[in-house]
Amino acid sequence: MTRRSILRAAAGVALLSAAPAFVRAQSRKLRFGVGPFLPTPEDTRKSYTPFFTYLARELGAPDWELAVTTDWAGLAVAMGSGNLDIAWMGPWGYVLANAASGCQAIATVKYDDKPTYHAIVIARPELAIAKFPDDTRGRSISFADTGSTSGWLIPHYYAKEVWRIDPRAFWKYTEGASHPANEIAVASGQVDLATDYDRNRDAMISSGRIKPESSRVVWTSDPLPNDAIAVAKDFPAELAARAQKAMLAITPALAATALPPRYTGFVAATHASYAMIERAGVLLGKVKKG
């Protein structure tokens, strides 16, 4: 081999070493996923695409796609079946996906600079409810789909562990609705009560989709860990670390363009960050204790 060819080869190795980690680690399309945070998949895609665009750029991944699920359980199924690399998941959806596939949380999003939020129950404003849930026996209530943390898991957990009631017997019970649909159902008088979470209610009021006086909050949970960003079990550790670093680098100023309204950044997370959600799932018999 001539000295010139040796130098060319060395330069090639140097270029490869300097190439973005994603390009070196794998050549297939990077697959992102996000749950049904907004009223329609189109709304969700539009609102969350800037974040995934930022993340793909930081990982050096020019070829990527974003899947938007229509229910929370669907996102856990997609991750569990190996169809996603990185997903923005609700806390309960993450725990379900972790149990099914071993995916791991690497970050928790901050909303109004806080990494926690609350489950709520809303009611028609004219209902006389001095004590919840006692004064709501026999009323109609709409729970969210079974993959929802605040709309299904946590209210069921409180019903069993704190209130000591069977939701399906205590109320005229239905389940499976989206959070926006629950807000609209109460506001329009279709049901007496519905589950939701404070972030969704705030967003719908801010956007003018509902009026604050069209319903009222009659119960609020203890703080819950915010949404998880999770990576698939077989996702390269180097890339997971790069993704986490990129998220932790998002300042409030950057968040204003890269994240949906009122999200201000991320904090580092592990599976242990969602231990309380997992405990609720275990109590309800939906996941086995790890």
Protein backbone atom coordinates (compact mmCIF):
# COMPACT_ATOMS: atom_id res chain seq x y z
CA MET A 1 0.00 0.00 0.00
CA THR A 2 1.40 3.43 -0.95
CA ARG A 3 1.78 6.25 1.54
CA ARG A 4 -0.95 8.16 -0.30
CA SER A 5 -3.42 5.27 -0.08
CA ILE A 6 -2.65 4.86 3.62
CA LEU A 7 -3.40 8.52 4.20
CA ARG A 8 -6.66 8.21 2.25
CA ALA A 9 -7.70 5.21 4.33
CA ALA A 10 -6.83 7.00 7.57
CA ALA A 11 -8.87 10.01 6.48
CA GLY A 12 -11.81 7.73 5.76
CA VAL A 13 -11.64 6.25 9.26
CA ALA A 14 -11.49 9.74 10.73
CA LEU A 15 -14.57 10.82 8.76
CA LEU A 16 -16.46 7.72 9.88
CA SER A 17 -15.56 8.40 13.50
CA ALA A 18 -16.80 11.97 13.18
CA ALA A 19 -20.08 10.96 11.50
CA PRO A 20 -23.29 11.29 13.53
CA ALA A 21 -23.82 8.38 15.92
CA PHE A 22 -27.12 7.35 14.38
CA VAL A 23 -25.63 7.07 10.89
CA ARG A 24 -22.83 4.89 12.22
CA ALA A 25 -25.07 2.76 14.42
CA GLN A 26 -27.81 1.89 11.99
CA SER A 27 -29.04 2.79 8.55
CA ARG A 28 -32.77 2.13 8.81
CA LYS A 29 -35.40 4.78 9.41
CA LEU A 30 -35.70 6.10 12.95
CA ARG A 31 -39.22 5.45 14.22
CA PHE A 32 -40.81 7.90 16.67
CA GLY A 33 -44.20 7.59 18.34
CA VAL A 34 -46.51 9.88 20.31
CA GLY A 35 -49.85 9.34 22.03
CA PRO A 36 -53.21 11.08 21.54
CA PHE A 37 -52.45 14.23 23.51
CA LEU A 38 -54.66 16.53 21.42
CA PRO A 39 -58.21 16.21 20.07
CA THR A 40 -57.19 14.83 16.65
CA PRO A 41 -54.14 12.95 15.32
CA GLU A 42 -53.53 15.86 12.96
CA ASP A 43 -53.44 18.30 15.89
CA THR A 44 -51.02 16.06 17.77
CA ARG A 45 -48.75 15.55 14.77
CA LYS A 46 -48.55 19.27 14.07
CA SER A 47 -47.84 20.15 17.69
CA TYR A 48 -45.22 17.47 18.40
CA THR A 49 -43.39 17.32 15.05
CA PRO A 50 -41.00 20.21 15.94
CA PHE A 51 -39.72 18.24 18.95
CA PHE A 52 -39.08 15.08 16.96
CA THR A 53 -37.49 17.13 14.19
CA TYR A 54 -35.10 18.56 16.80
CA LEU A 55 -34.37 15.13 18.27
CA ALA A 56 -33.73 13.54 14.87
CA ARG A 57 -31.36 16.34 13.97
CA GLU A 58 -29.45 15.94 17.24
CA LEU A 59 -29.13 12.20 16.56
CA GLY A 60 -27.97 12.79 12.99
CA ALA A 61 -30.95 10.88 11.58
CA PRO A 62 -32.12 12.38 8.27
CA ASP A 63 -34.63 9.58 7.67
CA TRP A 64 -37.35 9.30 10.29
CA GLU A 65 -41.09 8.93 10.72
CA LEU A 66 -43.63 9.84 13.40
CA ALA A 67 -46.53 7.55 14.30
CA VAL A 68 -49.48 9.12 16.15
CA THR A 69 -51.73 6.65 17.96
CA THR A 70 -55.44 7.14 18.54
CA ASP A 71 -55.43 5.65 22.05
CA TRP A 72 -52.93 5.29 24.88
CA ALA A 73 -52.89 1.51 24.87
CA GLY A 74 -52.01 1.53 21.18
CA LEU A 75 -48.73 3.31 21.86
CA ALA A 76 -47.73 0.68 24.41
CA VAL A 77 -48.61 -2.07 21.91
CA ALA A 78 -46.54 -0.38 19.18
CA MET A 79 -43.50 -0.13 21.44
CA GLY A 80 -44.03 -3.65 22.77
CA SER A 81 -44.20 -5.12 19.28
CA GLY A 82 -40.91 -3.53 18.23
CA ASN A 83 -42.42 -0.96 15.87
CA LEU A 84 -40.97 2.12 17.61
CA ASP A 85 -37.50 3.27 18.63
CA ILE A 86 -38.39 6.30 20.76
CA ALA A 87 -41.81 7.32 22.03
CA TRP A 88 -43.39 10.16 23.99
CA MET A 89 -45.67 8.16 26.26
CA GLY A 90 -48.13 8.71 29.05
CA PRO A 91 -46.85 7.35 32.40
CA TRP A 92 -49.19 4.32 32.46
CA GLY A 93 -48.61 3.62 28.78
CA TYR A 94 -44.89 3.62 29.49
CA VAL A 95 -45.28 1.16 32.39
CA LEU A 96 -47.37 -1.14 30.19
CA ALA A 97 -44.83 -0.93 27.38
CA ASN A 98 -41.97 -1.56 29.80
CA ALA A 99 -43.71 -4.68 31.10
CA ALA A 100 -44.32 -5.91 27.56
CA SER A 101 -41.01 -5.03 25.94
CA GLY A 102 -38.43 -3.81 28.43
CA CYS A 103 -38.33 -0.29 26.97
CA GLN A 104 -36.75 2.26 29.29
CA ALA A 105 -37.62 5.82 30.29
CA ILE A 106 -34.79 8.29 29.77
CA ALA A 107 -36.54 11.63 30.37
CA THR A 108 -39.65 13.18 31.91
CA VAL A 109 -41.14 16.29 30.36
CA LYS A 110 -41.68 19.49 32.34
CA TYR A 111 -44.96 21.38 32.03
CA ASP A 112 -44.93 24.93 33.36
CA ASP A 113 -41.44 23.96 34.56
CA LYS A 114 -42.77 21.08 36.70
CA PRO A 115 -42.18 17.35 36.02
CA THR A 116 -45.52 16.42 37.61
CA TYR A 117 -49.24 16.80 36.88
CA HIS A 118 -52.60 15.72 38.36
CA ALA A 119 -55.48 13.46 37.46
CA ILE A 120 -58.84 15.16 37.87
CA VAL A 121 -62.55 14.40 37.77
CA ILE A 122 -64.78 17.09 36.29
CA ALA A 123 -68.53 17.52 36.71
CA ARG A 124 -71.39 19.51 35.24
CA PRO A 125 -71.30 22.85 37.11
CA GLU A 126 -74.87 22.70 38.36
CA LEU A 127 -74.42 19.39 40.22
CA ALA A 128 -74.42 19.71 44.02
CA ILE A 129 -71.27 17.87 45.05
CA ALA A 130 -70.00 18.69 48.53
CA LYS A 131 -68.04 15.47 49.01
CA PHE A 132 -66.48 13.34 46.29
CA PRO A 133 -67.23 10.59 45.46
CA ASP A 134 -70.02 10.19 48.03
CA ASP A 135 -72.35 12.75 46.48
CA THR A 136 -72.00 11.34 42.98
CA ARG A 137 -73.39 7.82 43.50
CA GLY A 138 -75.53 6.75 40.54
CA ARG A 139 -74.32 9.57 38.29
CA SER A 140 -73.05 8.89 34.79
CA ILE A 141 -69.28 9.00 34.39
CA SER A 142 -66.96 8.61 31.42
CA PHE A 143 -63.50 7.16 32.02
CA ALA A 144 -60.76 7.43 29.40
CA ASP A 145 -59.27 4.41 27.63
CA THR A 146 -57.52 1.73 29.64
CA GLY A 147 -54.05 2.95 28.60
CA SER A 148 -54.56 6.35 30.21
CA THR A 149 -52.81 7.16 33.48
CA SER A 150 -55.02 9.98 34.71
CA GLY A 151 -58.19 8.95 32.91
CA TRP A 152 -58.27 5.29 33.89
CA LEU A 153 -55.45 3.87 36.03
CA ILE A 154 -55.30 6.48 38.80
CA PRO A 155 -59.08 6.89 39.29
CA HIS A 156 -59.40 3.09 39.45
CA TYR A 157 -56.51 2.94 41.92
CA TYR A 158 -58.12 5.55 44.17
CA ALA A 159 -61.48 3.81 43.89
CA LYS A 160 -60.01 0.55 45.16
CA GLU A 161 -57.38 1.79 47.61
CA VAL A 162 -58.87 5.03 48.97
CA TRP A 163 -62.58 5.37 48.23
CA ARG A 164 -63.28 1.62 48.60
CA ILE A 165 -65.85 1.52 45.81
CA ASP A 166 -66.39 -0.42 42.59
CA PRO A 167 -66.59 2.27 39.88
CA ARG A 168 -68.75 0.13 37.61
CA ALA A 169 -71.32 -0.39 40.36
CA PHE A 170 -71.08 2.99 42.08
CA TRP A 171 -71.60 5.03 38.88
CA LYS A 172 -73.28 4.63 35.49
CA TYR A 173 -69.90 3.75 34.08
CA THR A 174 -68.43 3.93 30.57
CA GLU A 175 -64.81 3.91 29.43
CA GLY A 176 -62.72 4.29 26.31
CA ALA A 177 -63.08 8.00 25.52
CA SER A 178 -60.23 10.38 24.76
CA HIS A 179 -59.49 13.15 27.25
CA PRO A 180 -60.74 15.93 24.94
CA ALA A 181 -63.92 13.93 24.31
CA ASN A 182 -64.48 13.63 28.07
CA GLU A 183 -64.23 17.39 28.53
CA ILE A 184 -66.64 18.01 25.68
CA ALA A 185 -69.07 15.35 26.96
CA VAL A 186 -69.39 17.08 30.33
CA ALA A 187 -69.51 20.57 28.83
CA SER A 188 -72.34 19.52 26.51
CA GLY A 189 -74.27 17.67 29.23
CA GLN A 190 -73.85 14.20 27.70
CA VAL A 191 -72.50 12.84 31.01
CA ASP A 192 -72.47 14.07 34.60
CA LEU A 193 -68.81 13.35 35.32
CA ALA A 194 -65.61 12.48 33.47
CA THR A 195 -61.95 11.81 34.13
CA ASP A 196 -59.21 14.01 32.73
CA TYR A 197 -55.86 15.58 33.66
CA ASP A 198 -55.13 19.18 34.50
CA ARG A 199 -52.77 19.79 31.57
CA ASN A 200 -55.40 18.77 29.01
CA ARG A 201 -58.11 20.87 30.65
CA ASP A 202 -55.79 23.90 30.75
CA ALA A 203 -54.86 23.44 27.08
CA MET A 204 -58.48 23.11 25.95
CA ILE A 205 -59.49 26.23 27.86
CA SER A 206 -56.51 28.17 26.48
CA SER A 207 -57.33 27.16 22.92
CA GLY A 208 -61.00 28.06 23.32
CA ARG A 209 -62.25 24.49 22.81
CA ILE A 210 -64.13 24.62 26.11
CA LYS A 211 -65.17 27.39 28.48
CA PRO A 212 -63.90 27.16 32.07
CA GLU A 213 -67.42 27.62 33.43
CA SER A 214 -68.78 24.70 31.37
CA SER A 215 -67.59 22.23 34.03
CA ARG A 216 -65.82 22.21 37.35
CA VAL A 217 -63.10 20.10 38.94
CA VAL A 218 -64.47 18.03 41.83
CA TRP A 219 -61.44 15.84 42.56
CA THR A 220 -57.67 16.17 42.12
CA SER A 221 -55.08 13.44 42.64
CA ASP A 222 -51.70 13.63 44.31
CA PRO A 223 -48.86 14.70 41.94
CA LEU A 224 -48.06 12.20 39.22
CA PRO A 225 -44.87 11.96 37.12
CA ASN A 226 -45.28 13.62 33.76
CA ASP A 227 -45.00 11.90 30.38
CA ALA A 228 -42.01 9.69 29.69
CA ILE A 229 -39.70 9.66 26.71
CA ALA A 230 -38.81 5.99 26.36
CA VAL A 231 -36.43 4.08 24.13
CA ALA A 232 -36.82 0.52 22.90
CA LYS A 233 -34.92 -2.20 24.76
CA ASP A 234 -32.57 -2.79 21.82
CA PHE A 235 -31.98 0.90 21.08
CA PRO A 236 -28.21 1.56 21.15
CA ALA A 237 -27.10 2.86 24.54
CA GLU A 238 -24.91 5.52 22.92
CA LEU A 239 -27.88 6.91 21.04
CA ALA A 240 -30.10 6.80 24.14
CA ALA A 241 -27.48 8.85 25.99
CA ARG A 242 -27.30 11.33 23.09
CA ALA A 243 -31.08 11.62 23.00
CA GLN A 244 -31.24 12.24 26.75
CA LYS A 245 -28.49 14.87 26.52
CA ALA A 246 -30.34 16.62 23.68
CA MET A 247 -33.56 16.75 25.70
CA LEU A 248 -31.87 18.02 28.86
CA ALA A 249 -30.30 20.78 26.75
CA ILE A 250 -33.72 22.22 25.84
CA THR A 251 -34.01 25.59 27.55
CA PRO A 252 -37.32 27.42 28.05
CA ALA A 253 -36.35 29.63 25.09
CA LEU A 254 -35.78 26.61 22.84
CA ALA A 255 -38.89 24.92 24.22
CA ALA A 256 -40.95 27.84 22.92
CA THR A 257 -40.28 26.64 19.36
CA ALA A 258 -39.48 22.94 19.83
CA LEU A 259 -42.20 21.85 22.26
CA PRO A 260 -45.99 22.23 22.48
CA PRO A 261 -47.27 25.21 24.48
CA ARG A 262 -46.43 25.30 28.21
CA TYR A 263 -43.85 22.49 27.99
CA THR A 264 -40.56 23.95 29.19
CA GLY A 265 -37.98 21.16 28.99
CA PHE A 266 -37.07 17.79 30.46
CA VAL A 267 -35.50 16.15 33.50
CA ALA A 268 -33.55 12.89 33.42
CA ALA A 269 -35.58 9.78 34.24
CA THR A 270 -35.24 6.05 34.74
CA HIS A 271 -37.80 3.32 35.21
CA ALA A 272 -37.74 4.06 38.95
CA SER A 273 -39.17 7.50 38.21
CA TYR A 274 -42.48 5.75 37.42
CA ALA A 275 -42.53 3.38 40.41
CA MET A 276 -45.78 4.85 41.80
CA ILE A 277 -47.53 4.26 38.48
CA GLU A 278 -46.25 0.70 38.40
CA ARG A 279 -47.49 0.11 41.95
CA ALA A 280 -50.98 1.21 40.93
CA GLY A 281 -50.89 -1.18 37.98
CA VAL A 282 -49.77 -4.04 40.20
CA LEU A 283 -52.54 -3.33 42.74
CA LEU A 284 -55.13 -3.46 39.96
CA GLY A 285 -53.66 -6.67 38.55
CA LYS A 286 -52.72 -5.07 35.21
CA VAL A 287 -48.96 -5.66 35.45
CA LYS A 288 -46.87 -8.12 37.41
CA LYS A 289 -44.42 -6.88 39.99
CA GLY A 290 -40.92 -6.69 38.51
